[in-house]
């Protein structure tokens, strides 16, 4: 009758929601002092028995990283977010506002929130087995067995009567004598099989034994508080152990230094110190020696931290900074701080910053013109070069500063600090790179630098070619005409670009 009373109004919702709602009903019934004693004791006994499934889900979670709830009975689930493991509430629990206020639900929710990052890191790093082998005295002991033993121990001070000895004949034999109706007899038998003592557990932890222990207690015994307190304490012990283990892992991995060095590498903070190495990289890239250039860039970035040489992979698909992509090898701890979306954003900033240095290097490396009769063209080209070099140097005149906050030891602190770093990156992309005092964006200046370099080299080649002998045939005449036309068009382009840059 007690089971029917609690389940008759529990038809709505998913089966897992109904199961959790049933547990909360048992908990509330065992905590009401105005209820008959027997009903309170039965509710508490059934509650402890029903918690076995949830304890098994949590045991499995700690041992394997999976809840192994094949019918999705547990409120939480394992997800893959951006290549890393996350544990979050199932969607059909999100609308259960009243259920989320329940005591047992809050205990489970708090435990998952406190422990999920630690379990996820252990799962992703394939160290969950090592952790359980090292601390098997805690993690490999059944949570349900520990809960029942601790509840019995806490009940002892409240017991005012002797606990009745267990009868040799189980109640099922007496119950079967009371009726000849086959459906009722099967119901009695199924209930007996479901609630009979587990031979793998202590004999005093069966449902019947708990009922006898509760009946020996005073009427004011806070049964529900004892159950919730012991469950909360056992779960907190696991959370504290795992979080301490992960904190030691994070400290030994020195992920804080790795994150700072990554930020420094993507910001090119050490460009001036490594200028000669970067110029060698630019030279190799111009000569289309992409594999050697990739290795050179990797050595440059790894020079400030040898671990970056293992983490970073350079993908260079063409002889230009815009075709560079820095990929970061998977690291379960680093992946908790830096996600793929942020890496893509950092790559965008890195390419833009490196492109500024590359364009500046190319402009300054342009070969000089010899004295020629085309002075107006040469002056226009030189003027444009000066303007573009000035524009690019202005972009680099305010060096980036890395906000290095000391004492960041937890992953949440590192993650928050890195989010602030990414906000700075986005702001720089939005505001700083807009062309400075020129009425054009940095992207326009970089494109104009490429156009100027191409026109400069081509014009120089044609001007030097003017020293050849005078044309002797129709082909030479036509070539001279095309050369003259190209130089004239280059001069017009220079005037147009000058106007675009604000020159008169």
Protein backbone atom coordinates (compact mmCIF):
# COMPACT_ATOMS: atom_id res chain seq x y z
CA UNK A 1 0.00 0.00 0.00
CA UNK A 2 2.87 2.37 0.78
CA UNK A 3 4.41 1.88 -2.66
CA UNK A 4 1.01 2.36 -4.29
CA UNK A 5 0.42 5.54 -2.30
CA UNK A 6 3.69 7.10 -3.50
CA UNK A 7 3.38 5.98 -7.10
CA UNK A 8 -0.29 6.65 -7.85
CA UNK A 9 0.28 10.33 -8.71
CA UNK A 10 3.64 9.76 -10.38
CA UNK A 11 2.61 9.03 -13.97
CA UNK A 12 3.85 12.10 -15.83
CA UNK A 13 7.32 12.64 -17.26
CA UNK A 14 10.19 10.46 -18.31
CA UNK A 15 10.86 7.24 -16.40
CA UNK A 16 14.07 8.68 -14.91
CA UNK A 17 12.16 11.77 -13.74
CA UNK A 18 9.47 9.57 -12.17
CA UNK A 19 12.15 7.50 -10.44
CA UNK A 20 13.82 10.58 -8.96
CA UNK A 21 10.43 11.96 -7.95
CA UNK A 22 9.65 8.68 -6.18
CA UNK A 23 12.90 8.88 -4.20
CA UNK A 24 12.10 12.42 -3.14
CA UNK A 25 8.64 11.29 -2.02
CA UNK A 26 10.17 8.56 0.13
CA UNK A 27 12.62 11.07 1.58
CA UNK A 28 9.84 13.53 2.45
CA UNK A 29 7.73 10.77 4.02
CA UNK A 30 10.63 9.66 6.22
CA UNK A 31 11.22 13.24 7.39
CA UNK A 32 7.65 14.09 8.46
CA UNK A 33 7.37 13.79 12.23
CA UNK A 34 3.55 13.83 12.10
CA UNK A 35 3.48 10.60 10.08
CA UNK A 36 2.92 7.26 11.80
CA UNK A 37 6.20 5.76 12.99
CA UNK A 38 5.82 2.59 10.97
CA UNK A 39 5.19 4.54 7.78
CA UNK A 40 8.26 6.71 8.41
CA UNK A 41 10.41 3.68 9.06
CA UNK A 42 9.12 1.85 6.00
CA UNK A 43 9.75 4.93 3.86
CA UNK A 44 13.30 5.26 5.17
CA UNK A 45 14.01 1.55 4.60
CA UNK A 46 12.66 1.67 1.06
CA UNK A 47 14.61 4.88 0.43
CA UNK A 48 17.90 3.27 1.43
CA UNK A 49 17.09 0.24 -0.67
CA UNK A 50 16.09 2.33 -3.71
CA UNK A 51 19.24 4.45 -3.51
CA UNK A 52 21.22 1.37 -4.52
CA UNK A 53 20.75 2.01 -8.26
CA UNK A 54 21.89 5.63 -8.01
CA UNK A 55 24.89 4.61 -5.92
CA UNK A 56 25.80 2.04 -8.57
CA UNK A 57 25.61 4.72 -11.28
CA UNK A 58 27.98 6.91 -9.27
CA UNK A 59 30.31 3.97 -8.56
CA UNK A 60 30.47 3.24 -12.27
CA UNK A 61 31.10 6.91 -13.01
CA UNK A 62 34.08 7.00 -10.68
CA UNK A 63 35.49 3.72 -11.98
CA UNK A 64 34.98 4.20 -15.73
CA UNK A 65 33.87 7.78 -16.41
CA UNK A 66 30.50 6.45 -17.66
CA UNK A 67 27.25 6.22 -15.71
CA UNK A 68 26.29 2.96 -17.48
CA UNK A 69 22.61 3.80 -17.11
CA UNK A 70 21.50 1.99 -20.23
CA UNK A 71 17.94 3.30 -19.94
CA UNK A 72 19.07 6.86 -19.10
CA UNK A 73 17.86 6.66 -15.52
CA UNK A 74 20.50 8.97 -14.04
CA UNK A 75 19.82 12.74 -14.16
CA UNK A 76 23.22 13.49 -15.73
CA UNK A 77 24.85 12.32 -18.94
CA UNK A 78 28.27 12.31 -20.59
CA UNK A 79 28.72 14.64 -23.58
CA UNK A 80 31.53 15.48 -25.99
CA UNK A 81 31.95 19.27 -26.31
CA UNK A 82 34.73 20.66 -28.51
CA UNK A 83 36.62 17.38 -28.29
CA UNK A 84 36.51 17.10 -24.51
CA UNK A 85 34.30 15.21 -22.08
CA UNK A 86 31.60 17.12 -20.22
CA UNK A 87 28.86 15.98 -17.83
CA UNK A 88 25.59 17.85 -17.92
CA UNK A 89 21.96 17.53 -16.86
CA UNK A 90 19.65 15.62 -19.16
CA UNK A 91 17.28 17.83 -21.10
CA UNK A 92 14.09 16.38 -19.60
CA UNK A 93 15.28 17.40 -16.12
CA UNK A 94 15.68 21.05 -17.12
CA UNK A 95 11.94 21.76 -16.87
CA UNK A 96 11.50 19.92 -13.56
CA UNK A 97 11.80 23.00 -11.35
CA UNK A 98 10.15 21.43 -8.31
CA UNK A 99 12.20 18.26 -8.61
CA UNK A 100 15.42 20.29 -8.71
CA UNK A 101 14.51 21.67 -5.28
CA UNK A 102 14.53 18.17 -3.79
CA UNK A 103 17.13 17.32 -1.15
CA UNK A 104 18.44 14.16 -2.84
CA UNK A 105 18.57 15.81 -6.24
CA UNK A 106 20.58 18.72 -4.80
CA UNK A 107 23.02 16.31 -3.15
CA UNK A 108 23.61 14.47 -6.43
CA UNK A 109 23.77 17.71 -8.41
CA UNK A 110 26.29 19.27 -6.05
CA UNK A 111 28.45 16.16 -6.17
CA UNK A 112 28.46 16.09 -9.99
CA UNK A 113 29.24 19.81 -10.23
CA UNK A 114 32.10 19.50 -7.72
CA UNK A 115 33.60 16.41 -9.36
CA UNK A 116 32.77 16.46 -13.07
CA UNK A 117 35.85 18.39 -14.18
CA UNK A 118 38.13 16.02 -12.27
CA UNK A 119 36.43 12.90 -13.64
CA UNK A 120 36.41 14.35 -17.17
CA UNK A 121 40.15 15.06 -17.05
CA UNK A 122 40.85 11.57 -15.70
CA UNK A 123 38.67 10.08 -18.43
CA UNK A 124 40.17 12.11 -21.29
CA UNK A 125 43.75 11.60 -20.10
CA UNK A 126 43.19 7.83 -19.70
CA UNK A 127 44.32 8.09 -16.06
CA UNK A 128 41.10 7.06 -14.37
CA UNK A 129 42.45 3.52 -13.93
CA UNK A 130 45.66 4.81 -12.35
CA UNK A 131 43.65 7.01 -10.01
CA UNK A 132 41.44 4.13 -8.86
CA UNK A 133 44.40 1.80 -8.43
CA UNK A 134 46.12 4.38 -6.26
CA UNK A 135 43.01 5.13 -4.17
CA UNK A 136 41.14 1.84 -4.38
CA UNK A 137 40.41 1.90 -0.65
CA UNK A 138 37.91 4.68 -1.35
CA UNK A 139 36.79 4.38 -4.96
CA UNK A 140 36.43 0.60 -5.24
CA UNK A 141 34.24 0.22 -2.15
CA UNK A 142 30.52 0.16 -2.90
CA UNK A 143 28.98 3.54 -2.15
CA UNK A 144 25.70 1.89 -1.19
CA UNK A 145 27.36 -0.50 1.27
CA UNK A 146 29.27 2.37 2.86
CA UNK A 147 26.09 4.43 3.11
CA UNK A 148 24.15 1.67 4.87
CA UNK A 149 26.98 0.93 7.29
CA UNK A 150 27.38 4.60 8.19
CA UNK A 151 23.62 5.08 8.65
CA UNK A 152 23.50 2.07 11.01
CA UNK A 153 26.42 3.47 12.97
CA UNK A 154 24.72 6.87 13.28
CA UNK A 155 21.45 5.24 14.40
CA UNK A 156 23.07 3.56 17.41
CA UNK A 157 22.86 6.59 19.79
CA UNK A 158 19.13 6.97 19.04
CA UNK A 159 18.19 3.33 19.70
CA UNK A 160 16.24 3.00 22.95
CA UNK A 161 15.20 -0.63 22.47
CA UNK A 162 16.98 -3.82 21.58
CA UNK A 163 16.87 -4.77 17.95
CA UNK A 164 14.71 -7.86 17.48
CA UNK A 165 16.49 -10.97 16.33
CA UNK A 166 15.91 -11.98 12.79
CA UNK A 167 13.49 -14.88 12.42
CA UNK A 168 14.72 -17.98 10.69
CA UNK A 169 11.69 -18.16 8.42
CA UNK A 170 11.37 -15.29 5.95
CA UNK A 171 8.13 -13.31 5.91
CA UNK A 172 7.33 -14.57 2.44
CA UNK A 173 6.34 -17.98 3.83
CA UNK A 174 3.79 -16.41 6.15
CA UNK A 175 2.52 -14.07 3.47
CA UNK A 176 1.92 -16.84 0.97
CA UNK A 177 -0.32 -18.62 3.48
CA UNK A 178 -2.65 -15.63 3.66
CA UNK A 179 -4.03 -15.94 0.13
CA UNK A 180 -4.68 -18.44 -2.61
CA UNK A 181 -4.95 -15.83 -5.37
CA UNK A 182 -2.15 -16.45 -7.83
CA UNK A 183 -1.59 -12.76 -8.89
CA UNK A 184 -1.26 -11.67 -5.26
CA UNK A 185 1.07 -14.57 -4.44
CA UNK A 186 3.28 -13.62 -7.42
CA UNK A 187 3.31 -10.01 -6.21
CA UNK A 188 4.44 -11.12 -2.74
CA UNK A 189 7.11 -13.32 -4.24
CA UNK A 190 8.44 -10.58 -6.57
CA UNK A 191 8.61 -8.13 -3.68
CA UNK A 192 10.48 -10.72 -1.61
CA UNK A 193 12.99 -11.38 -4.40
CA UNK A 194 13.55 -7.67 -4.91
CA UNK A 195 14.08 -6.85 -1.24
CA UNK A 196 15.78 -10.02 0.03
CA UNK A 197 19.25 -9.59 1.56
CA UNK A 198 22.09 -9.42 -0.91
CA UNK A 199 24.62 -12.19 -0.09
CA UNK A 200 27.42 -9.84 -1.16
CA UNK A 201 26.44 -7.34 1.52
CA UNK A 202 26.57 -7.49 5.32
CA UNK A 203 23.58 -9.34 6.74
CA UNK A 204 22.57 -6.36 8.87
CA UNK A 205 22.17 -4.15 5.78
CA UNK A 206 19.04 -5.79 4.38
CA UNK A 207 15.76 -3.94 4.12
CA UNK A 208 14.22 -6.00 6.94
CA UNK A 209 17.19 -5.37 9.21
CA UNK A 210 16.99 -1.65 8.59
CA UNK A 211 13.31 -1.66 9.45
CA UNK A 212 14.09 -3.42 12.74
CA UNK A 213 16.86 -0.94 13.51
CA UNK A 214 14.55 1.99 12.79
CA UNK A 215 11.83 0.51 15.01
CA UNK A 216 14.32 0.32 17.87
CA UNK A 217 14.96 4.08 17.62
CA UNK A 218 13.25 6.87 19.50
CA UNK A 219 10.39 8.64 17.74
CA UNK A 220 12.40 11.84 17.40
CA UNK A 221 15.23 10.19 15.45
CA UNK A 222 16.11 12.44 12.46
CA UNK A 223 16.25 9.55 10.01
CA UNK A 224 16.12 11.58 6.80
CA UNK A 225 18.79 13.99 8.07
CA UNK A 226 21.09 11.08 8.93
CA UNK A 227 20.67 9.53 5.48
CA UNK A 228 21.25 12.80 3.63
CA UNK A 229 24.17 13.76 5.89
CA UNK A 230 26.00 10.45 5.38
CA UNK A 231 25.36 10.42 1.64
CA UNK A 232 26.63 13.98 1.36
CA UNK A 233 29.72 13.18 3.45
CA UNK A 234 30.64 10.05 1.46
CA UNK A 235 30.27 11.89 -1.84
CA UNK A 236 32.25 14.88 -0.61
CA UNK A 237 35.11 12.58 0.39
CA UNK A 238 35.36 11.37 -3.21
CA UNK A 239 35.13 14.88 -4.64
CA UNK A 240 37.84 16.19 -2.35
CA UNK A 241 40.17 13.30 -3.17
CA UNK A 242 39.72 13.61 -6.94
CA UNK A 243 40.04 17.40 -6.99
CA UNK A 244 43.24 17.21 -4.93
CA UNK A 245 44.62 14.61 -7.35
CA UNK A 246 43.78 16.80 -10.35
CA UNK A 247 45.24 19.90 -8.69
CA UNK A 248 48.51 18.01 -8.31
CA UNK A 249 48.34 16.93 -11.97
CA UNK A 250 47.79 20.52 -13.08
CA UNK A 251 50.64 21.74 -10.91
CA UNK A 252 53.05 19.12 -12.27
CA UNK A 253 52.04 19.74 -15.88
CA UNK A 254 52.75 23.49 -15.45
CA UNK A 255 49.82 24.25 -17.72
CA UNK A 256 49.85 27.89 -16.53
CA UNK A 257 53.30 28.40 -18.08
CA UNK A 258 52.26 26.58 -21.24
CA UNK A 259 49.22 28.84 -21.65
CA UNK A 260 51.32 31.99 -21.14
CA UNK A 261 53.92 30.80 -23.64
CA UNK A 262 51.19 29.98 -26.14
CA UNK A 263 49.74 33.45 -25.76
CA UNK A 264 53.20 34.97 -26.14
CA UNK A 265 53.88 32.90 -29.28
CA UNK A 266 50.61 33.88 -30.96
CA UNK A 267 51.20 37.55 -30.10
CA UNK A 268 54.77 37.42 -31.50
CA UNK A 269 56.03 39.16 -28.38
CA UNK A 270 59.60 37.99 -28.99
CA UNK A 271 59.77 39.08 -32.63
CA UNK A 272 62.47 41.71 -32.04
CA UNK A 273 64.64 39.22 -30.14
CA UNK A 274 64.24 36.65 -32.91
CA UNK A 275 64.23 39.04 -35.87
CA UNK A 276 67.06 37.29 -37.74
CA UNK A 277 65.32 33.89 -37.35
CA UNK A 278 62.04 35.34 -38.62
CA UNK A 279 63.79 36.95 -41.60
CA UNK A 280 65.32 33.58 -42.46
CA UNK A 281 61.81 32.13 -42.29
CA UNK A 282 60.54 34.88 -44.63
CA UNK A 283 63.37 34.17 -47.05
CA UNK A 284 62.64 30.43 -47.09
CA UNK A 285 58.95 31.14 -47.60
CA UNK A 286 59.64 33.49 -50.52
CA UNK A 287 61.76 30.80 -52.14
CA UNK A 288 58.80 28.41 -51.75
CA UNK A 289 60.75 26.02 -49.53
CA UNK A 290 57.66 25.40 -47.45
CA UNK A 291 58.73 22.34 -45.46
CA UNK A 292 61.98 23.92 -44.31
CA UNK A 293 60.12 27.17 -43.61
CA UNK A 294 57.55 25.31 -41.49
CA UNK A 295 60.30 23.69 -39.44
CA UNK A 296 62.00 27.07 -39.03
CA UNK A 297 58.80 28.68 -37.73
CA UNK A 298 58.21 25.77 -35.35
CA UNK A 299 61.73 26.15 -33.95
CA UNK A 300 61.15 29.88 -33.48
CA UNK A 301 57.90 29.38 -31.58
CA UNK A 302 59.31 26.52 -29.50
CA UNK A 303 62.45 28.45 -28.56
CA UNK A 304 60.72 30.04 -25.55
CA UNK A 305 59.32 26.74 -24.25
CA UNK A 306 60.50 23.28 -25.45
CA UNK A 307 57.04 21.85 -24.72
CA UNK A 308 55.61 23.99 -27.50
CA UNK A 309 57.73 21.98 -29.92
CA UNK A 310 55.64 18.95 -29.02
CA UNK A 311 52.30 20.76 -28.86
CA UNK A 312 52.50 22.94 -31.99
CA UNK A 313 52.17 21.76 -35.58
CA UNK A 314 52.72 24.24 -38.41
CA UNK A 315 50.61 23.90 -41.53
CA UNK A 316 52.01 26.08 -44.36
CA UNK A 317 50.21 25.58 -47.69
CA UNK A 318 51.72 28.49 -49.62
CA UNK A 319 54.46 31.14 -49.60
CA UNK A 320 52.53 33.71 -47.59
CA UNK A 321 51.60 34.28 -43.91
CA UNK A 322 47.90 34.19 -44.79
CA UNK A 323 48.35 30.48 -45.60
CA UNK A 324 49.77 29.57 -42.18
CA UNK A 325 47.77 27.65 -39.59
CA UNK A 326 49.15 26.70 -36.18
CA UNK A 327 47.54 23.56 -34.80
CA UNK A 328 47.82 22.46 -31.18
CA UNK A 329 48.12 18.77 -30.41
CA UNK A 330 45.52 17.31 -28.07
CA UNK A 331 46.32 17.71 -24.39
CA UNK A 332 43.54 16.80 -21.92
CA UNK A 333 44.51 19.47 -19.37
CA UNK A 334 45.35 22.26 -21.82
CA UNK A 335 42.10 21.52 -23.66
CA UNK A 336 40.24 22.53 -20.50
CA UNK A 337 41.69 26.03 -20.77
CA UNK A 338 42.02 26.69 -24.52
CA UNK A 339 39.31 25.47 -26.89
CA UNK A 340 39.36 25.15 -30.68
CA UNK A 341 37.31 28.29 -31.32
CA UNK A 342 39.85 30.32 -29.36
CA UNK A 343 42.73 28.68 -31.25
CA UNK A 344 41.13 29.71 -34.55
CA UNK A 345 40.77 33.28 -33.28
CA UNK A 346 44.40 33.32 -32.11
CA UNK A 347 45.50 32.01 -35.51
CA UNK A 348 43.66 34.85 -37.19
CA UNK A 349 45.49 37.40 -35.05
CA UNK A 350 48.84 35.61 -35.54
CA UNK A 351 48.49 35.61 -39.34
CA UNK A 352 47.61 39.30 -39.38
CA UNK A 353 50.48 40.27 -37.09
CA UNK A 354 52.99 38.11 -38.98
CA UNK A 355 51.72 39.52 -42.27
CA UNK A 356 52.53 43.04 -41.03
CA UNK A 357 56.10 42.00 -40.23
CA UNK A 358 56.40 40.11 -43.52
CA UNK A 359 55.14 43.05 -45.59
CA UNK A 360 57.48 45.41 -43.75
CA UNK A 361 60.37 43.02 -44.39
CA UNK A 362 59.54 42.81 -48.10
CA UNK A 363 59.21 46.58 -48.53
CA UNK A 364 62.50 47.30 -46.79
CA UNK A 365 64.19 44.55 -48.80
CA UNK A 366 63.18 46.01 -52.18
CA UNK A 367 66.23 46.61 -54.44
CA UNK A 368 67.11 50.24 -55.14
CA UNK A 369 66.60 51.92 -58.53
CA UNK A 370 69.59 53.07 -60.49
CA UNK A 371 69.62 56.63 -61.85
CA UNK A 372 67.27 56.70 -64.82
CA UNK A 373 65.30 59.12 -66.92
CA UNK A 374 61.99 57.94 -65.35
CA UNK A 375 62.48 60.04 -62.25
CA UNK A 376 58.79 60.79 -61.71
CA UNK A 377 57.92 57.10 -61.61
CA UNK A 378 60.81 56.26 -59.30
CA UNK A 379 59.90 59.13 -56.98
CA UNK A 380 56.27 58.00 -56.91
CA UNK A 381 57.29 54.42 -56.08
CA UNK A 382 59.67 55.57 -53.36
CA UNK A 383 57.04 57.88 -51.90
CA UNK A 384 54.53 55.05 -51.75
CA UNK A 385 57.10 52.78 -50.17
CA UNK A 386 57.80 55.38 -47.48
CA UNK A 387 54.07 55.84 -46.80
CA UNK A 388 53.36 52.12 -46.56
CA UNK A 389 56.39 51.45 -44.38
CA UNK A 390 55.27 54.29 -42.12
CA UNK A 391 51.74 52.87 -41.96
CA UNK A 392 52.97 49.38 -41.08
CA UNK A 393 55.43 50.64 -38.49
CA UNK A 394 52.64 52.64 -36.91
CA UNK A 395 50.68 49.42 -36.46
CA UNK A 396 53.66 47.95 -34.60
CA UNK A 397 54.42 51.08 -32.59
CA UNK A 398 52.20 49.94 -29.70
CA UNK A 399 53.54 46.52 -28.70
CA UNK A 400 51.17 43.95 -27.26
CA UNK A 401 51.35 43.30 -23.56
CA UNK A 402 50.53 39.96 -22.05
CA UNK A 403 48.50 40.24 -18.87
CA UNK A 404 50.41 37.67 -16.84
CA UNK A 405 48.67 37.18 -13.52
CA UNK A 406 50.80 35.23 -11.08
CA UNK A 407 49.39 32.66 -8.70
CA UNK A 408 46.81 31.12 -11.05
CA UNK A 409 46.78 27.46 -10.05
CA UNK A 410 43.30 26.11 -10.76
CA UNK A 411 41.91 25.37 -14.19
CA UNK A 412 38.92 27.64 -13.61
CA UNK A 413 41.24 30.58 -12.84
CA UNK A 414 43.37 29.85 -15.90
CA UNK A 415 40.27 29.53 -18.07
CA UNK A 416 38.89 32.84 -16.85
CA UNK A 417 42.23 34.59 -17.42
CA UNK A 418 42.45 33.16 -20.93
CA UNK A 419 38.92 34.38 -21.69
CA UNK A 420 40.05 37.90 -20.77
CA UNK A 421 43.03 37.44 -23.08
CA UNK A 422 40.71 36.43 -25.93
CA UNK A 423 38.55 39.51 -25.32
CA UNK A 424 41.69 41.62 -25.74
CA UNK A 425 42.48 39.81 -29.00
CA UNK A 426 38.99 40.45 -30.36
CA UNK A 427 39.18 44.09 -29.36
CA UNK A 428 42.55 44.47 -31.10
CA UNK A 429 41.17 42.91 -34.26
CA UNK A 430 38.20 45.27 -34.14
CA UNK A 431 39.86 48.57 -33.17
CA UNK A 432 43.63 48.62 -33.40
CA UNK A 433 44.01 47.30 -36.95
CA UNK A 434 42.00 49.94 -38.79
CA UNK A 435 44.76 51.73 -40.64
CA UNK A 436 45.74 54.28 -37.99
CA UNK A 437 45.87 57.78 -39.49
CA UNK A 438 45.12 56.42 -42.98
CA UNK A 439 41.54 56.25 -44.27
CA UNK A 440 41.82 52.51 -44.94
CA UNK A 441 42.05 49.28 -42.99
CA UNK A 442 45.15 47.28 -42.25
CA UNK A 443 44.02 44.65 -44.72
CA UNK A 444 43.98 47.33 -47.45
CA UNK A 445 47.48 48.47 -46.50
CA UNK A 446 48.77 44.90 -46.66
CA UNK A 447 47.20 44.37 -50.08
CA UNK A 448 48.64 47.65 -51.35
CA UNK A 449 52.06 46.59 -50.07
CA UNK A 450 51.86 43.44 -52.17
CA UNK A 451 50.79 45.45 -55.22
CA UNK A 452 53.59 47.97 -54.72
CA UNK A 453 56.21 45.24 -54.34
CA UNK A 454 55.09 43.53 -57.53
CA UNK A 455 55.00 46.82 -59.48
CA UNK A 456 58.36 47.89 -58.02
CA UNK A 457 60.17 44.70 -59.06
CA UNK A 458 58.55 44.65 -62.49
CA UNK A 459 59.23 48.35 -63.14
CA UNK A 460 62.86 47.99 -62.03
CA UNK A 461 63.32 45.06 -64.40
CA UNK A 462 61.86 47.03 -67.31
CA UNK A 463 63.84 50.19 -66.50
CA UNK A 464 67.09 48.23 -66.36
CA UNK A 465 66.10 46.60 -69.63
CA UNK A 466 66.06 50.07 -71.24
CA UNK A 467 69.84 49.96 -71.54
CA UNK A 468 69.67 47.40 -74.31
CA UNK A 469 70.48 48.31 -77.87
CA UNK A 470 67.90 50.23 -79.85
CA UNK A 471 65.12 48.11 -81.42
CA UNK A 472 66.18 46.49 -84.64
CA UNK A 473 62.96 44.71 -85.68
CA UNK A 474 59.22 44.93 -85.32
CA UNK A 475 59.17 42.66 -82.26
CA UNK A 476 61.62 44.89 -80.41
CA UNK A 477 59.57 47.95 -81.33
CA UNK A 478 56.42 46.35 -80.02
CA UNK A 479 58.22 45.30 -76.81
CA UNK A 480 59.42 48.89 -76.28
CA UNK A 481 55.89 50.15 -76.73
CA UNK A 482 54.52 47.63 -74.20
CA UNK A 483 57.30 48.49 -71.77
CA UNK A 484 56.54 52.19 -72.04
CA UNK A 485 52.80 51.57 -71.63
CA UNK A 486 53.38 49.41 -68.52
CA UNK A 487 55.59 52.04 -66.88
CA UNK A 488 52.97 54.71 -67.61
CA UNK A 489 50.22 52.55 -66.12
CA UNK A 490 52.42 51.92 -63.07
CA UNK A 491 52.81 55.67 -62.60
CA UNK A 492 49.02 56.08 -62.76
CA UNK A 493 48.61 53.28 -60.24
CA UNK A 494 51.04 55.03 -57.92
CA UNK A 495 49.02 58.24 -58.12
CA UNK A 496 45.79 56.35 -57.42
CA UNK A 497 47.30 54.52 -54.45
CA UNK A 498 48.73 57.79 -53.19
CA UNK A 499 45.27 59.36 -53.29
CA UNK A 500 43.88 56.32 -51.50
CA UNK A 501 46.45 56.76 -48.75
CA UNK A 502 45.63 60.44 -48.44
CA UNK A 503 48.57 61.80 -50.41
CA UNK A 504 48.17 64.75 -52.78
